[in-house]
PDB file of N, CA and C in Angstrom:
ATOM      1  N   MET A   1     112.501 200.809  90.305  1.00  0.00           N
ATOM      2  CA  MET A   1     112.374 200.769  91.663  1.00  0.00           C
ATOM      3  C   MET A   1     111.597 199.511  92.170  1.00  0.00           C
ATOM      4  N   SER A   2     112.234 198.678  92.872  1.00  0.00           N
ATOM      5  CA  SER A   2     111.646 197.498  93.428  1.00  0.00           C
ATOM      6  C   SER A   2     110.573 197.865  94.554  1.00  0.00           C
ATOM      7  N   GLN A   3     109.521 196.921  94.576  1.00  0.00           N
ATOM      8  CA  GLN A   3     108.646 197.008  95.667  1.00  0.00           C
ATOM      9  C   GLN A   3     108.856 195.890  96.646  1.00  0.00           C
ATOM     10  N   GLU A   4     108.926 196.395  97.907  1.00  0.00           N
ATOM     11  CA  GLU A   4     109.246 195.297  99.020  1.00  0.00           C
ATOM     12  C   GLU A   4     108.008 194.319  98.982  1.00  0.00           C
ATOM     13  N   PRO A   5     108.316 193.042  99.271  1.00  0.00           N
ATOM     14  CA  PRO A   5     107.322 191.865  99.439  1.00  0.00           C
ATOM     15  C   PRO A   5     106.496 192.265 100.465  1.00  0.00           C
ATOM     16  N   MET A   6     105.183 191.972 100.428  1.00  0.00           N
ATOM     17  CA  MET A   6     104.072 192.155 101.478  1.00  0.00           C
ATOM     18  C   MET A   6     103.692 190.712 101.902  1.00  0.00           C
ATOM     19  N   VAL A   7     103.445 190.859 103.276  1.00  0.00           N
ATOM     20  CA  VAL A   7     102.996 189.713 103.781  1.00  0.00           C
ATOM     21  C   VAL A   7     101.507 189.943 104.569  1.00  0.00           C
ATOM     22  N   ASP A   8     100.531 189.095 104.369  1.00  0.00           N
ATOM     23  CA  ASP A   8      99.210 189.249 104.921  1.00  0.00           C
ATOM     24  C   ASP A   8      99.442 188.694 106.377  1.00  0.00           C
ATOM     25  N   VAL A   9      98.767 189.541 107.350  1.00  0.00           N
ATOM     26  CA  VAL A   9      98.756 189.156 108.823  1.00  0.00           C
ATOM     27  C   VAL A   9      97.390 189.213 109.203  1.00  0.00           C
ATOM     28  N   PHE A  10      96.999 188.280 110.060  1.00  0.00           N
ATOM     29  CA  PHE A  10      95.773 188.236 110.704  1.00  0.00           C
ATOM     30  C   PHE A  10      95.690 189.257 111.899  1.00  0.00           C
ATOM     31  N   VAL A  11      94.781 189.981 111.955  1.00  0.00           N
ATOM     32  CA  VAL A  11      94.302 191.069 113.005  1.00  0.00           C
ATOM     33  C   VAL A  11      92.996 190.841 113.531  1.00  0.00           C
ATOM     34  N   PRO A  12      92.879 190.285 114.686  1.00  0.00           N
ATOM     35  CA  PRO A  12      93.808 189.551 115.530  1.00  0.00           C
ATOM     36  C   PRO A  12      94.260 188.426 114.991  1.00  0.00           C
ATOM     37  N   ALA A  13      95.366 187.836 115.649  1.00  0.00           N
ATOM     38  CA  ALA A  13      96.052 186.603 115.225  1.00  0.00           C
ATOM     39  C   ALA A  13      95.029 185.516 115.119  1.00  0.00           C
ATOM     40  N   LEU A  14      95.258 184.768 114.090  1.00  0.00           N
ATOM     41  CA  LEU A  14      94.367 183.430 113.852  1.00  0.00           C
ATOM     42  C   LEU A  14      94.375 182.562 115.068  1.00  0.00           C
ATOM     43  N   VAL A  15      95.370 182.329 115.567  1.00  0.00           N
ATOM     44  CA  VAL A  15      95.432 181.353 116.837  1.00  0.00           C
ATOM     45  C   VAL A  15      94.534 181.958 118.002  1.00  0.00           C
ATOM     46  N   ALA A  16      94.529 183.255 118.241  1.00  0.00           N
ATOM     47  CA  ALA A  16      93.895 183.899 119.202  1.00  0.00           C
ATOM     48  C   ALA A  16      92.198 183.716 118.802  1.00  0.00           C
ATOM     49  N   LEU A  17      91.800 184.114 117.511  1.00  0.00           N
ATOM     50  CA  LEU A  17      90.580 183.872 117.134  1.00  0.00           C
ATOM     51  C   LEU A  17      89.980 182.434 117.302  1.00  0.00           C
ATOM     52  N   LEU A  18      90.857 181.345 116.919  1.00  0.00           N
ATOM     53  CA  LEU A  18      90.388 180.106 117.231  1.00  0.00           C
ATOM     54  C   LEU A  18      90.306 179.747 118.646  1.00  0.00           C
ATOM     55  N   THR A  19      91.323 180.107 119.499  1.00  0.00           N
ATOM     56  CA  THR A  19      91.190 180.005 120.938  1.00  0.00           C
ATOM     57  C   THR A  19      89.806 180.529 121.475  1.00  0.00           C
ATOM     58  N   GLN A  20      89.481 181.648 121.102  1.00  0.00           N
ATOM     59  CA  GLN A  20      88.313 182.433 121.718  1.00  0.00           C
ATOM     60  C   GLN A  20      87.197 181.583 121.147  1.00  0.00           C
ATOM     61  N   ALA A  21      87.142 181.283 119.729  1.00  0.00           N
ATOM     62  CA  ALA A  21      86.011 180.462 119.293  1.00  0.00           C
ATOM     63  C   ALA A  21      85.612 179.161 120.053  1.00  0.00           C
ATOM     64  N   GLU A  22      86.812 178.462 120.255  1.00  0.00           N
ATOM     65  CA  GLU A  22      86.664 177.293 121.124  1.00  0.00           C
ATOM     66  C   GLU A  22      86.027 177.564 122.620  1.00  0.00           C
ATOM     67  N   ALA A  23      86.521 178.420 123.082  1.00  0.00           N
ATOM     68  CA  ALA A  23      86.013 178.801 124.427  1.00  0.00           C
ATOM     69  C   ALA A  23      84.609 179.304 124.477  1.00  0.00           C
ATOM     70  N   LEU A  24      84.027 179.914 123.410  1.00  0.00           N
ATOM     71  CA  LEU A  24      82.662 180.360 123.336  1.00  0.00           C
ATOM     72  C   LEU A  24      81.817 179.099 122.965  1.00  0.00           C
ATOM     73  N   VAL A  25      82.247 178.238 122.141  1.00  0.00           N
ATOM     74  CA  VAL A  25      81.512 177.036 121.791  1.00  0.00           C
ATOM     75  C   VAL A  25      81.446 176.048 122.952  1.00  0.00           C
ATOM     76  N   GLY A  26      82.477 176.071 123.723  1.00  0.00           N
ATOM     77  CA  GLY A  26      82.702 174.987 124.709  1.00  0.00           C
ATOM     78  C   GLY A  26      83.047 173.673 124.195  1.00  0.00           C
ATOM     79  N   ARG A  27      83.706 173.555 123.118  1.00  0.00           N
ATOM     80  CA  ARG A  27      83.962 172.141 122.503  1.00  0.00           C
ATOM     81  C   ARG A  27      85.197 172.405 121.473  1.00  0.00           C
ATOM     82  N   ASP A  28      85.822 171.366 120.887  1.00  0.00           N
ATOM     83  CA  ASP A  28      86.757 171.477 119.771  1.00  0.00           C
ATOM     84  C   ASP A  28      86.073 172.009 118.776  1.00  0.00           C
ATOM     85  N   LEU A  29      86.659 172.855 117.892  1.00  0.00           N
ATOM     86  CA  LEU A  29      86.221 173.303 116.494  1.00  0.00           C
ATOM     87  C   LEU A  29      86.415 172.059 115.524  1.00  0.00           C
ATOM     88  N   THR A  30      85.475 172.129 114.507  1.00  0.00           N
ATOM     89  CA  THR A  30      85.585 171.095 113.494  1.00  0.00           C
ATOM     90  C   THR A  30      86.647 171.781 112.463  1.00  0.00           C
ATOM     91  N   GLU A  31      86.987 170.886 111.542  1.00  0.00           N
ATOM     92  CA  GLU A  31      87.989 171.438 110.358  1.00  0.00           C
ATOM     93  C   GLU A  31      87.184 172.620 109.563  1.00  0.00           C
ATOM     94  N   ASN A  32      85.961 172.418 109.353  1.00  0.00           N
ATOM     95  CA  ASN A  32      85.109 173.261 108.511  1.00  0.00           C
ATOM     96  C   ASN A  32      85.041 174.555 109.384  1.00  0.00           C
ATOM     97  N   GLU A  33      84.802 174.562 110.835  1.00  0.00           N
ATOM     98  CA  GLU A  33      84.815 175.794 111.465  1.00  0.00           C
ATOM     99  C   GLU A  33      86.037 176.561 111.363  1.00  0.00           C
ATOM    100  N   VAL A  34      87.144 175.805 111.641  1.00  0.00           N
ATOM    101  CA  VAL A  34      88.492 176.491 111.658  1.00  0.00           C
ATOM    102  C   VAL A  34      88.806 177.120 110.362  1.00  0.00           C
ATOM    103  N   ASN A  35      88.492 176.367 109.264  1.00  0.00           N
ATOM    104  CA  ASN A  35      88.595 176.961 107.850  1.00  0.00           C
ATOM    105  C   ASN A  35      87.823 178.283 107.573  1.00  0.00           C
ATOM    106  N   ASN A  36      86.463 178.182 108.056  1.00  0.00           N
ATOM    107  CA  ASN A  36      85.707 179.174 107.963  1.00  0.00           C
ATOM    108  C   ASN A  36      86.001 180.526 108.717  1.00  0.00           C
ATOM    109  N   ILE A  37      86.574 180.313 110.024  1.00  0.00           N
ATOM    110  CA  ILE A  37      86.985 181.416 110.802  1.00  0.00           C
ATOM    111  C   ILE A  37      88.242 181.937 110.036  1.00  0.00           C
ATOM    112  N   ARG A  38      89.135 181.175 109.448  1.00  0.00           N
ATOM    113  CA  ARG A  38      90.240 181.554 108.850  1.00  0.00           C
ATOM    114  C   ARG A  38      89.873 182.410 107.572  1.00  0.00           C
ATOM    115  N   ASP A  39      88.986 181.859 106.818  1.00  0.00           N
ATOM    116  CA  ASP A  39      88.523 182.474 105.585  1.00  0.00           C
ATOM    117  C   ASP A  39      88.004 183.875 105.790  1.00  0.00           C
ATOM    118  N   LYS A  40      87.186 184.164 106.878  1.00  0.00           N
ATOM    119  CA  LYS A  40      86.578 185.250 107.102  1.00  0.00           C
ATOM    120  C   LYS A  40      87.226 186.293 107.980  1.00  0.00           C
ATOM    121  N   ALA A  41      88.423 185.823 108.531  1.00  0.00           N
ATOM    122  CA  ALA A  41      89.181 186.701 109.436  1.00  0.00           C
ATOM    123  C   ALA A  41      89.748 188.035 108.817  1.00  0.00           C
ATOM    124  N   THR A  42      89.975 189.006 109.376  1.00  0.00           N
ATOM    125  CA  THR A  42      90.587 190.044 108.991  1.00  0.00           C
ATOM    126  C   THR A  42      91.943 189.907 108.786  1.00  0.00           C
ATOM    127  N   LYS A  43      92.540 190.324 107.614  1.00  0.00           N
ATOM    128  CA  LYS A  43      94.004 190.270 107.476  1.00  0.00           C
ATOM    129  C   LYS A  43      94.491 191.735 106.934  1.00  0.00           C
ATOM    130  N   VAL A  44      95.629 192.080 107.140  1.00  0.00           N
ATOM    131  CA  VAL A  44      96.379 193.335 106.791  1.00  0.00           C
ATOM    132  C   VAL A  44      97.522 193.022 105.986  1.00  0.00           C
ATOM    133  N   SER A  45      97.953 193.750 105.076  1.00  0.00           N
ATOM    134  CA  SER A  45      99.223 193.558 104.203  1.00  0.00           C
ATOM    135  C   SER A  45     100.197 194.399 104.961  1.00  0.00           C
ATOM    136  N   GLN A  46     101.292 193.825 105.261  1.00  0.00           N
ATOM    137  CA  GLN A  46     102.483 194.552 106.022  1.00  0.00           C
ATOM    138  C   GLN A  46     103.644 194.299 105.273  1.00  0.00           C
ATOM    139  N   PRO A  47     104.686 195.127 105.005  1.00  0.00           N
ATOM    140  CA  PRO A  47     105.881 194.859 104.549  1.00  0.00           C
ATOM    141  C   PRO A  47     106.566 193.723 105.204  1.00  0.00           C
ATOM    142  N   GLN A  48     107.244 192.877 104.457  1.00  0.00           N
ATOM    143  CA  GLN A  48     107.930 191.748 105.162  1.00  0.00           C
ATOM    144  C   GLN A  48     109.175 192.173 106.104  1.00  0.00           C
ATOM    145  N   ALA A  49     109.544 193.210 105.881  1.00  0.00           N
ATOM    146  CA  ALA A  49     110.721 193.793 106.794  1.00  0.00           C
ATOM    147  C   ALA A  49     110.230 194.197 108.177  1.00  0.00           C
ATOM    148  N   LEU A  50     108.791 194.483 108.390  1.00  0.00           N
ATOM    149  CA  LEU A  50     108.119 194.875 109.613  1.00  0.00           C
ATOM    150  C   LEU A  50     107.803 193.569 110.382  1.00  0.00           C
ATOM    151  N   ILE A  51     107.717 192.447 109.848  1.00  0.00           N
ATOM    152  CA  ILE A  51     107.254 191.326 110.394  1.00  0.00           C
ATOM    153  C   ILE A  51     107.994 191.010 111.838  1.00  0.00           C
ATOM    154  N   PRO A  52     109.421 190.953 111.693  1.00  0.00           N
ATOM    155  CA  PRO A  52     110.043 190.671 113.049  1.00  0.00           C
ATOM    156  C   PRO A  52     109.580 191.652 114.262  1.00  0.00           C
ATOM    157  N   ALA A  53     109.441 192.857 113.850  1.00  0.00           N
ATOM    158  CA  ALA A  53     108.980 193.941 115.076  1.00  0.00           C
ATOM    159  C   ALA A  53     107.622 193.479 115.355  1.00  0.00           C
ATOM    160  N   LEU A  54     106.862 193.196 114.429  1.00  0.00           N
ATOM    161  CA  LEU A  54     105.330 192.838 114.805  1.00  0.00           C
ATOM    162  C   LEU A  54     105.287 191.553 115.609  1.00  0.00           C
ATOM    163  N   LEU A  55     106.250 190.494 115.358  1.00  0.00           N
ATOM    164  CA  LEU A  55     106.178 189.380 116.091  1.00  0.00           C
ATOM    165  C   LEU A  55     106.657 189.625 117.579  1.00  0.00           C
ATOM    166  N   GLN A  56     107.723 190.576 117.662  1.00  0.00           N
ATOM    167  CA  GLN A  56     108.019 190.966 119.000  1.00  0.00           C
ATOM    168  C   GLN A  56     106.931 191.649 119.892  1.00  0.00           C
ATOM    169  N   GLN A  57     106.424 192.408 119.191  1.00  0.00           N
ATOM    170  CA  GLN A  57     105.261 193.312 119.876  1.00  0.00           C
ATOM    171  C   GLN A  57     103.963 192.347 120.120  1.00  0.00           C
ATOM    172  N   ARG A  58     103.720 191.330 119.235  1.00  0.00           N
ATOM    173  CA  ARG A  58     102.545 190.431 119.605  1.00  0.00           C
ATOM    174  C   ARG A  58     103.070 189.422 120.513  1.00  0.00           C
ATOM    175  N   GLY A  59     104.278 189.031 120.568  1.00  0.00           N
ATOM    176  CA  GLY A  59     104.823 187.996 121.382  1.00  0.00           C
ATOM    177  C   GLY A  59     104.676 186.591 121.080  1.00  0.00           C
ATOM    178  N   TYR A  60     104.032 186.312 119.952  1.00  0.00           N
ATOM    179  CA  TYR A  60     104.063 184.962 119.454  1.00  0.00           C
ATOM    180  C   TYR A  60     103.822 185.009 117.941  1.00  0.00           C
ATOM    181  N   HIS A  61     104.182 184.015 117.434  1.00  0.00           N
ATOM    182  CA  HIS A  61     103.812 183.623 115.877  1.00  0.00           C
ATOM    183  C   HIS A  61     102.569 183.208 115.868  1.00  0.00           C
ATOM    184  N   ASP A  62     101.873 183.416 114.387  1.00  0.00           N
ATOM    185  CA  ASP A  62     100.505 182.905 114.309  1.00  0.00           C
ATOM    186  C   ASP A  62     100.551 181.644 113.463  1.00  0.00           C
ATOM    187  N   LEU A  63      99.459 181.013 113.301  1.00  0.00           N
ATOM    188  CA  LEU A  63      99.496 179.831 112.413  1.00  0.00           C
ATOM    189  C   LEU A  63      99.572 180.248 110.925  1.00  0.00           C
ATOM    190  N   TYR A  64     100.047 179.489 110.132  1.00  0.00           N
ATOM    191  CA  TYR A  64     100.327 179.496 108.753  1.00  0.00           C
ATOM    192  C   TYR A  64      98.962 179.172 108.030  1.00  0.00           C
ATOM    193  N   ALA A  65      98.322 180.255 107.382  1.00  0.00           N
ATOM    194  CA  ALA A  65      96.942 180.007 106.999  1.00  0.00           C
ATOM    195  C   ALA A  65      96.449 178.831 106.145  1.00  0.00           C
ATOM    196  N   PRO A  66      97.637 178.351 105.091  1.00  0.00           N
ATOM    197  CA  PRO A  66      97.096 177.316 104.282  1.00  0.00           C
ATOM    198  C   PRO A  66      97.014 175.987 104.936  1.00  0.00           C
ATOM    199  N   GLU A  67      97.880 176.044 106.223  1.00  0.00           N
ATOM    200  CA  GLU A  67      97.996 174.763 107.089  1.00  0.00           C
ATOM    201  C   GLU A  67      97.124 175.050 108.454  1.00  0.00           C
ATOM    202  N   ALA A  68      96.127 175.907 108.489  1.00  0.00           N
ATOM    203  CA  ALA A  68      95.472 176.353 109.641  1.00  0.00           C
ATOM    204  C   ALA A  68      95.040 175.171 110.455  1.00  0.00           C
ATOM    205  N   TRP A  69      94.175 174.178 109.812  1.00  0.00           N
ATOM    206  CA  TRP A  69      93.643 173.122 110.620  1.00  0.00           C
ATOM    207  C   TRP A  69      94.748 172.258 111.178  1.00  0.00           C
ATOM    208  N   GLN A  70      95.725 171.835 110.380  1.00  0.00           N
ATOM    209  CA  GLN A  70      96.792 171.025 110.839  1.00  0.00           C
ATOM    210  C   GLN A  70      97.623 171.647 111.963  1.00  0.00           C
ATOM    211  N   GLN A  71      97.948 172.744 111.874  1.00  0.00           N
ATOM    212  CA  GLN A  71      98.830 173.602 112.771  1.00  0.00           C
ATOM    213  C   GLN A  71      97.813 173.663 114.044  1.00  0.00           C
ATOM    214  N   TRP A  72      96.692 174.054 113.829  1.00  0.00           N
ATOM    215  CA  TRP A  72      95.683 174.233 115.073  1.00  0.00           C
ATOM    216  C   TRP A  72      95.669 172.873 115.875  1.00  0.00           C
ATOM    217  N   GLN A  73      95.701 171.807 115.221  1.00  0.00           N
ATOM    218  CA  GLN A  73      95.685 170.651 115.967  1.00  0.00           C
ATOM    219  C   GLN A  73      96.945 170.407 116.618  1.00  0.00           C
ATOM    220  N   ARG A  74      97.984 170.557 116.098  1.00  0.00           N
ATOM    221  CA  ARG A  74      99.428 170.476 116.531  1.00  0.00           C
ATOM    222  C   ARG A  74      99.515 171.364 117.715  1.00  0.00           C
ATOM    223  N   TYR A  75      99.147 172.631 117.708  1.00  0.00           N
ATOM    224  CA  TYR A  75      99.218 173.637 118.734  1.00  0.00           C
ATOM    225  C   TYR A  75      98.310 173.172 120.043  1.00  0.00           C
ATOM    226  N   LYS A  76      97.254 172.707 119.767  1.00  0.00           N
ATOM    227  CA  LYS A  76      96.428 172.215 120.866  1.00  0.00           C
ATOM    228  C   LYS A  76      97.044 171.055 121.562  1.00  0.00           C
ATOM    229  N   ASP A  77      97.738 170.252 120.877  1.00  0.00           N
ATOM    230  CA  ASP A  77      98.320 168.998 121.476  1.00  0.00           C
ATOM    231  C   ASP A  77      99.721 169.375 121.872  1.00  0.00           C
ATOM    232  N   GLY A  78      99.998 170.613 121.926  1.00  0.00           N
ATOM    233  CA  GLY A  78     101.223 170.980 122.400  1.00  0.00           C
ATOM    234  C   GLY A  78     102.551 170.741 121.632  1.00  0.00           C
ATOM    235  N   GLN A  79     102.419 170.519 120.458  1.00  0.00           N
ATOM    236  CA  GLN A  79     103.421 170.067 119.476  1.00  0.00           C
ATOM    237  C   GLN A  79     103.884 171.212 118.613  1.00  0.00           C
ATOM    238  N   LEU A  80     103.299 172.397 118.817  1.00  0.00           N
ATOM    239  CA  LEU A  80     103.614 173.566 118.039  1.00  0.00           C
ATOM    240  C   LEU A  80     103.816 174.682 118.879  1.00  0.00           C
ATOM    241  N   ASP A  81     105.103 175.029 119.049  1.00  0.00           N
ATOM    242  CA  ASP A  81     105.417 176.282 119.945  1.00  0.00           C
ATOM    243  C   ASP A  81     105.413 177.530 118.984  1.00  0.00           C
ATOM    244  N   LEU A  82     104.604 178.421 119.414  1.00  0.00           N
ATOM    245  CA  LEU A  82     104.381 179.717 118.600  1.00  0.00           C
ATOM    246  C   LEU A  82     105.113 180.738 119.268  1.00  0.00           C
ATOM    247  N   SER A  83     105.998 180.561 120.360  1.00  0.00           N
ATOM    248  CA  SER A  83     106.705 181.660 121.035  1.00  0.00           C
ATOM    249  C   SER A  83     107.571 182.215 120.277  1.00  0.00           C
ATOM    250  N   VAL A  84     108.118 183.554 120.563  1.00  0.00           N
ATOM    251  CA  VAL A  84     108.969 184.395 119.823  1.00  0.00           C
ATOM    252  C   VAL A  84     110.320 184.246 120.609  1.00  0.00           C
ATOM    253  N   ASP A  85     111.544 184.118 120.180  1.00  0.00           N
ATOM    254  CA  ASP A  85     112.685 184.196 120.518  1.00  0.00           C
ATOM    255  C   ASP A  85     112.928 185.635 120.842  1.00  0.00           C
ATOM    256  N   THR A  86     112.839 186.076 122.084  1.00  0.00           N
ATOM    257  CA  THR A  86     113.031 187.440 122.293  1.00  0.00           C
ATOM    258  C   THR A  86     114.387 187.987 122.266  1.00  0.00           C
ATOM    259  N   ASN A  87     115.370 186.858 122.418  1.00  0.00           N
ATOM    260  CA  ASN A  87     116.794 187.223 122.290  1.00  0.00           C
ATOM    261  C   ASN A  87     117.277 187.493 120.913  1.00  0.00           C
ATOM    262  N   ASN A  88     116.420 187.190 119.861  1.00  0.00           N
ATOM    263  CA  ASN A  88     116.797 187.246 118.473  1.00  0.00           C
ATOM    264  C   ASN A  88     116.169 188.613 117.922  1.00  0.00           C
ATOM    265  N   ASN A  89     116.804 189.310 117.369  1.00  0.00           N
ATOM    266  CA  ASN A  89     116.355 190.664 116.749  1.00  0.00           C
ATOM    267  C   ASN A  89     115.725 190.470 115.427  1.00  0.00           C
ATOM    268  N   GLY A  90     115.904 189.266 114.760  1.00  0.00           N
ATOM    269  CA  GLY A  90     115.318 189.216 113.358  1.00  0.00           C
ATOM    270  C   GLY A  90     114.590 187.887 113.265  1.00  0.00           C
TER     271      GLY A  90
END
């Protein structure tokens, strides 16, 4: 019997945590701060097959943890679209 692959999901989303943190400190986060928030954030493991439904429910993609700093910079510069294609069921 094979086990379905699991995916770690930030709860709440990492992008939401970083957005809130910047609002609270009133300035751009440093790379160390972004990585610290990422490393301390709560994650849950979900079966990979459930991820499309989770994205539809959440309404947006999250940052990819190993590239959190780089993606955070691109997101803030408007170069990273995290929206979910609601016309796509998968």
